[in-house]
Amino acid sequence: MNMPRSIDDILQNVERLPTMPKAVMEIIRCVDDDNIAIDSLVQQISSDIGLSSSILKMANTHRFSVHGGIASVHDAVMLVGFKQIRDMACMVGVMDSFPQHQYTLFDYANFWRHSMGVGICARILAKRVLDKHLGLNPDVAFISGMLHGIGQLALIAAVPDEFHIAMDYRASHDCSLFEAEQAVLGTDHAKIGAHLARKWEFPQVICDAIEKHPAPDDAPTSHMTDLIHVSKVLCHALEIGADTHTAPPLSDHAMSRLNINFFQLKPCFAQIECEYRNVAMMLG
């Protein structure tokens, strides 16, 4: 086994990973633009045959089924909804960019359940709970939540053997994955994920949320980072795609900066779980 000699070695391996489909990167980059037209989204999705095929397959689940089925991306957008199809495109695009590694014991299905749960939770909290003056776009919150753990997929693809050692270290030392990665790799998946997001020219607010959500009190943070942190912890509490390890501690400072408390969060639990089940059904 060839262990990386430095963090630079890991980053170089990450840099060699295939680029996410152009259509998906454009959708994510424009996620906070409310002026994007339906025709523009349809064109972006239709430009990628694999992506459009996956979108039509998901749109034709029994939840959205209609007589004769949905035959075009335009029909999917009109029948399922603009934002729902945009979310599907982001989900599928990211999934297809990181196919399951044949040698890993990593639970991909559980990873995606948790990622989608964090995204859904972040969007619902941004809509229902957080003060409007914070200026948090619910759609950006969803994408930030969905991508918060993308560095794990990058490490599996770039340095699979070393990532397995980190997972074994976590199990034997009963520590967090971040602590295990730092011990084995000298870096962690949050930093790697942010590096990849910057390479793909994602909005800075998304890059920061990916990098800083594990420990929002350790560095200057944003309200979006605090929101993703709270959403991740909440998904662990609700057992949405959470692994068997201890849930990360909740930052009281993040809650304070967002000006929320547990009693404000509790009424959202049912909606979070309902929307999560709907997405899980589409993912299969």
Protein backbone atom coordinates (compact mmCIF):
# COMPACT_ATOMS: atom_id res chain seq x y z
CA MET A 1 0.00 0.00 0.00
CA ASN A 2 1.37 3.40 -0.95
CA MET A 3 0.46 5.86 1.75
CA PRO A 4 0.29 9.52 0.70
CA ARG A 5 3.44 11.33 1.82
CA SER A 6 1.66 14.60 2.46
CA ILE A 7 -1.62 16.44 2.27
CA ASP A 8 -0.44 17.71 -1.11
CA ASP A 9 -0.32 14.11 -2.34
CA ILE A 10 -3.94 13.63 -1.32
CA LEU A 11 -5.00 16.88 -2.97
CA GLN A 12 -3.21 15.89 -6.16
CA ASN A 13 -5.12 12.60 -6.21
CA VAL A 14 -8.35 14.51 -5.62
CA GLU A 15 -7.48 16.89 -8.46
CA ARG A 16 -7.29 13.91 -10.81
CA LEU A 17 -10.86 12.83 -10.10
CA PRO A 18 -13.30 13.12 -13.02
CA THR A 19 -15.12 16.43 -13.22
CA MET A 20 -18.79 16.57 -12.36
CA PRO A 21 -21.03 16.88 -15.46
CA LYS A 22 -21.03 20.44 -16.75
CA ALA A 23 -24.83 20.60 -16.63
CA VAL A 24 -24.89 19.74 -12.93
CA MET A 25 -22.16 22.24 -12.06
CA GLU A 26 -24.09 24.99 -13.83
CA ILE A 27 -27.29 24.09 -11.99
CA ILE A 28 -25.52 24.24 -8.62
CA ARG A 29 -23.72 27.48 -9.45
CA CYS A 30 -27.05 29.12 -10.30
CA VAL A 31 -29.07 27.64 -7.45
CA ASP A 32 -29.57 31.02 -5.79
CA ASP A 33 -30.78 32.68 -9.02
CA ASP A 34 -34.56 32.91 -8.86
CA ASN A 35 -34.68 34.22 -12.42
CA ILE A 36 -33.58 30.97 -14.07
CA ALA A 37 -36.21 30.06 -16.66
CA ILE A 38 -37.76 26.63 -17.05
CA ASP A 39 -36.38 26.37 -20.59
CA SER A 40 -32.87 27.01 -19.27
CA LEU A 41 -33.12 24.18 -16.73
CA VAL A 42 -34.59 21.84 -19.34
CA GLN A 43 -31.75 22.66 -21.73
CA GLN A 44 -29.09 22.09 -19.07
CA ILE A 45 -30.49 18.69 -18.11
CA SER A 46 -31.20 17.61 -21.69
CA SER A 47 -27.62 18.37 -22.72
CA ASP A 48 -26.48 15.35 -20.69
CA ILE A 49 -28.02 12.08 -21.92
CA GLY A 50 -27.20 10.13 -18.76
CA LEU A 51 -28.57 12.85 -16.51
CA SER A 52 -31.78 13.31 -18.49
CA SER A 53 -32.38 9.54 -18.55
CA SER A 54 -31.95 9.32 -14.79
CA ILE A 55 -34.27 12.28 -14.25
CA LEU A 56 -37.01 10.69 -16.36
CA LYS A 57 -36.61 7.41 -14.52
CA MET A 58 -36.99 9.12 -11.15
CA ALA A 59 -39.85 11.30 -12.36
CA ASN A 60 -41.73 8.20 -13.46
CA THR A 61 -41.83 6.71 -9.97
CA HIS A 62 -45.32 5.82 -8.83
CA ARG A 63 -45.49 9.05 -6.84
CA PHE A 64 -45.50 11.07 -10.04
CA SER A 65 -46.80 8.50 -12.51
CA VAL A 66 -49.38 9.60 -15.03
CA HIS A 67 -51.16 7.79 -17.81
CA GLY A 68 -48.61 7.18 -20.53
CA GLY A 69 -45.69 8.20 -18.34
CA ILE A 70 -43.43 11.26 -18.43
CA ALA A 71 -41.56 11.24 -21.72
CA SER A 72 -39.53 14.46 -21.74
CA VAL A 73 -37.54 16.60 -19.34
CA HIS A 74 -39.87 19.51 -20.07
CA ASP A 75 -42.90 17.40 -19.10
CA ALA A 76 -41.07 16.31 -15.95
CA VAL A 77 -40.46 19.91 -14.94
CA MET A 78 -44.08 20.86 -15.61
CA LEU A 79 -45.60 17.87 -13.80
CA VAL A 80 -43.16 17.33 -10.93
CA GLY A 81 -42.08 20.92 -10.39
CA PHE A 82 -39.12 23.14 -11.23
CA LYS A 83 -37.36 22.93 -7.88
CA GLN A 84 -38.00 19.22 -7.44
CA ILE A 85 -36.47 18.42 -10.83
CA ARG A 86 -33.55 20.74 -10.10
CA ASP A 87 -32.98 18.89 -6.82
CA MET A 88 -33.16 15.55 -8.62
CA ALA A 89 -30.62 16.74 -11.18
CA CYS A 90 -28.19 17.76 -8.46
CA MET A 91 -28.67 14.48 -6.61
CA VAL A 92 -28.20 12.31 -9.67
CA GLY A 93 -25.28 14.34 -10.99
CA VAL A 94 -23.32 14.11 -7.76
CA MET A 95 -24.11 10.41 -7.33
CA ASP A 96 -23.00 9.58 -10.85
CA SER A 97 -19.78 11.55 -10.34
CA PHE A 98 -18.79 9.22 -7.50
CA PRO A 99 -19.74 5.65 -8.46
CA GLN A 100 -19.50 3.07 -5.72
CA HIS A 101 -15.93 1.88 -5.19
CA GLN A 102 -15.80 -1.88 -5.62
CA TYR A 103 -13.37 -2.43 -2.74
CA THR A 104 -14.93 -0.26 -0.09
CA LEU A 105 -17.04 -1.27 2.89
CA PHE A 106 -18.43 2.26 2.93
CA ASP A 107 -22.23 2.34 3.10
CA TYR A 108 -23.08 4.48 0.08
CA ALA A 109 -26.84 4.12 0.50
CA ASN A 110 -26.66 5.29 4.10
CA PHE A 111 -24.37 8.15 3.12
CA TRP A 112 -26.86 9.43 0.57
CA ARG A 113 -29.80 9.02 2.93
CA HIS A 114 -28.00 11.18 5.46
CA SER A 115 -26.86 13.75 2.89
CA MET A 116 -30.36 14.17 1.52
CA GLY A 117 -31.75 14.34 5.05
CA VAL A 118 -29.39 17.17 5.98
CA GLY A 119 -30.31 19.04 2.81
CA ILE A 120 -34.04 18.63 3.42
CA CYS A 121 -33.69 19.64 7.05
CA ALA A 122 -31.67 22.74 6.18
CA ARG A 123 -34.20 23.87 3.61
CA ILE A 124 -37.18 23.39 5.92
CA LEU A 125 -35.50 25.25 8.78
CA ALA A 126 -34.54 28.07 6.43
CA LYS A 127 -38.16 28.35 5.31
CA ARG A 128 -40.04 27.81 8.56
CA VAL A 129 -37.86 28.73 11.50
CA LEU A 130 -35.06 31.13 10.71
CA ASP A 131 -35.52 34.87 10.69
CA LYS A 132 -35.81 36.29 7.19
CA HIS A 133 -33.22 38.95 7.98
CA LEU A 134 -30.56 36.23 8.05
CA GLY A 135 -30.92 36.10 4.28
CA LEU A 136 -30.59 32.32 3.93
CA ASN A 137 -31.82 30.98 0.60
CA PRO A 138 -33.64 27.66 1.26
CA ASP A 139 -32.47 26.21 -2.05
CA VAL A 140 -28.83 27.05 -1.32
CA ALA A 141 -29.36 25.51 2.11
CA PHE A 142 -30.57 22.30 0.48
CA ILE A 143 -27.56 22.05 -1.84
CA SER A 144 -25.15 22.90 0.99
CA GLY A 145 -26.67 20.16 3.12
CA MET A 146 -26.68 17.62 0.33
CA LEU A 147 -22.99 18.29 -0.41
CA HIS A 148 -21.76 18.66 3.18
CA GLY A 149 -20.10 15.24 3.21
CA ILE A 150 -18.90 15.11 -0.39
CA GLY A 151 -15.29 14.99 0.78
CA GLN A 152 -15.87 11.43 1.99
CA LEU A 153 -16.65 10.35 -1.56
CA ALA A 154 -13.60 12.21 -2.84
CA LEU A 155 -11.31 10.48 -0.34
CA ILE A 156 -12.76 7.06 -1.15
CA ALA A 157 -12.15 7.65 -4.85
CA ALA A 158 -8.73 9.29 -4.45
CA VAL A 159 -7.13 7.33 -1.59
CA PRO A 160 -9.42 4.35 -0.84
CA ASP A 161 -6.93 2.30 1.18
CA GLU A 162 -6.06 5.19 3.44
CA PHE A 163 -9.70 6.10 3.94
CA HIS A 164 -10.39 2.52 5.04
CA ILE A 165 -7.59 2.82 7.58
CA ALA A 166 -9.21 5.98 8.89
CA MET A 167 -12.55 4.19 9.23
CA ASP A 168 -10.86 1.33 11.09
CA TYR A 169 -9.13 3.89 13.31
CA ARG A 170 -12.48 5.46 14.14
CA ALA A 171 -13.93 2.09 15.11
CA SER A 172 -10.97 1.07 17.27
CA HIS A 173 -10.54 4.45 18.97
CA ASP A 174 -14.24 5.30 19.33
CA CYS A 175 -13.72 8.75 17.89
CA SER A 176 -15.32 10.88 15.20
CA LEU A 177 -14.51 10.35 11.54
CA PHE A 178 -12.91 13.80 11.44
CA GLU A 179 -10.56 12.88 14.29
CA ALA A 180 -9.71 9.59 12.61
CA GLU A 181 -9.01 11.26 9.28
CA GLN A 182 -6.77 13.84 10.91
CA ALA A 183 -4.84 11.08 12.70
CA VAL A 184 -4.38 8.95 9.58
CA LEU A 185 -4.39 11.46 6.72
CA GLY A 186 -3.45 14.75 8.32
CA THR A 187 -6.59 16.30 6.88
CA ASP A 188 -10.33 15.57 6.89
CA HIS A 189 -13.16 15.16 4.45
CA ALA A 190 -14.62 18.59 5.22
CA LYS A 191 -11.45 20.30 4.00
CA ILE A 192 -11.19 17.95 1.02
CA GLY A 193 -14.83 18.51 0.12
CA ALA A 194 -14.40 22.28 0.25
CA HIS A 195 -11.28 22.03 -1.92
CA LEU A 196 -13.26 20.10 -4.52
CA ALA A 197 -16.20 22.51 -4.34
CA ARG A 198 -13.87 25.46 -4.95
CA LYS A 199 -12.28 23.64 -7.87
CA TRP A 200 -15.76 23.27 -9.35
CA GLU A 201 -16.41 26.98 -8.71
CA PHE A 202 -19.41 26.47 -6.47
CA PRO A 203 -20.71 29.53 -4.59
CA GLN A 204 -18.45 30.50 -1.69
CA VAL A 205 -21.23 30.10 0.86
CA ILE A 206 -21.56 26.42 -0.11
CA CYS A 207 -17.78 25.88 0.02
CA ASP A 208 -17.60 27.43 3.49
CA ALA A 209 -20.50 25.35 4.79
CA ILE A 210 -18.86 22.14 3.57
CA GLU A 211 -15.55 23.04 5.21
CA LYS A 212 -16.63 24.54 8.51
CA HIS A 213 -19.87 22.79 9.51
CA PRO A 214 -18.17 20.15 11.72
CA ALA A 215 -16.81 22.79 14.11
CA PRO A 216 -18.53 26.12 13.45
CA ASP A 217 -17.05 27.68 16.58
CA ASP A 218 -13.42 27.11 15.59
CA ALA A 219 -13.26 29.77 12.89
CA PRO A 220 -15.24 32.72 11.58
CA THR A 221 -18.43 31.21 10.27
CA SER A 222 -21.59 32.10 8.39
CA HIS A 223 -25.24 31.58 9.18
CA MET A 224 -25.34 28.96 6.40
CA THR A 225 -22.51 27.04 8.05
CA ASP A 226 -24.34 27.17 11.38
CA LEU A 227 -27.52 25.96 9.68
CA ILE A 228 -25.80 22.95 8.08
CA HIS A 229 -24.18 22.11 11.41
CA VAL A 230 -27.54 22.17 13.21
CA SER A 231 -29.22 20.22 10.41
CA LYS A 232 -26.58 17.50 10.51
CA VAL A 233 -26.90 17.06 14.26
CA LEU A 234 -30.69 17.05 13.98
CA CYS A 235 -30.59 14.31 11.33
CA HIS A 236 -28.48 12.21 13.67
CA ALA A 237 -31.06 12.75 16.40
CA LEU A 238 -33.88 11.75 14.01
CA GLU A 239 -31.79 8.77 12.80
CA ILE A 240 -31.99 9.90 9.19
CA GLY A 241 -29.15 8.07 7.48
CA ALA A 242 -27.04 8.39 10.61
CA ASP A 243 -24.43 5.74 11.27
CA THR A 244 -24.01 3.85 14.50
CA HIS A 245 -21.39 6.20 15.89
CA THR A 246 -22.08 8.92 18.40
CA ALA A 247 -23.91 11.95 17.08
CA PRO A 248 -21.76 15.07 16.80
CA PRO A 249 -22.23 17.56 19.63
CA LEU A 250 -24.53 20.49 18.94
CA SER A 251 -22.93 23.91 19.08
CA ASP A 252 -24.88 26.15 21.42
CA HIS A 253 -23.16 29.11 19.78
CA ALA A 254 -24.46 28.07 16.36
CA MET A 255 -27.99 27.89 17.76
CA SER A 256 -27.52 31.29 19.37
CA ARG A 257 -26.18 32.87 16.20
CA LEU A 258 -29.22 31.54 14.34
CA ASN A 259 -31.45 32.76 17.19
CA ILE A 260 -33.30 29.44 17.49
CA ASN A 261 -33.95 26.85 20.19
CA PHE A 262 -35.05 23.22 20.35
CA PHE A 263 -38.71 24.10 20.89
CA GLN A 264 -38.72 25.96 17.57
CA LEU A 265 -37.19 22.97 15.81
CA LYS A 266 -39.53 20.30 17.14
CA PRO A 267 -42.61 21.29 15.06
CA CYS A 268 -40.52 20.71 11.91
CA PHE A 269 -39.67 17.08 12.69
CA ALA A 270 -42.74 15.56 11.01
CA GLN A 271 -42.24 17.56 7.80
CA ILE A 272 -38.55 16.68 7.68
CA GLU A 273 -39.29 12.98 8.03
CA CYS A 274 -42.13 13.14 5.47
CA GLU A 275 -40.07 14.91 2.81
CA TYR A 276 -37.16 12.60 3.51
CA ARG A 277 -39.34 9.52 2.92
CA ASN A 278 -40.52 10.96 -0.41
CA VAL A 279 -36.95 11.52 -1.58
CA ALA A 280 -35.85 8.10 -0.31
CA MET A 281 -38.63 6.55 -2.37
CA MET A 282 -37.37 8.26 -5.52
CA LEU A 283 -33.81 7.14 -4.83
CA GLY A 284 -34.99 3.57 -4.44
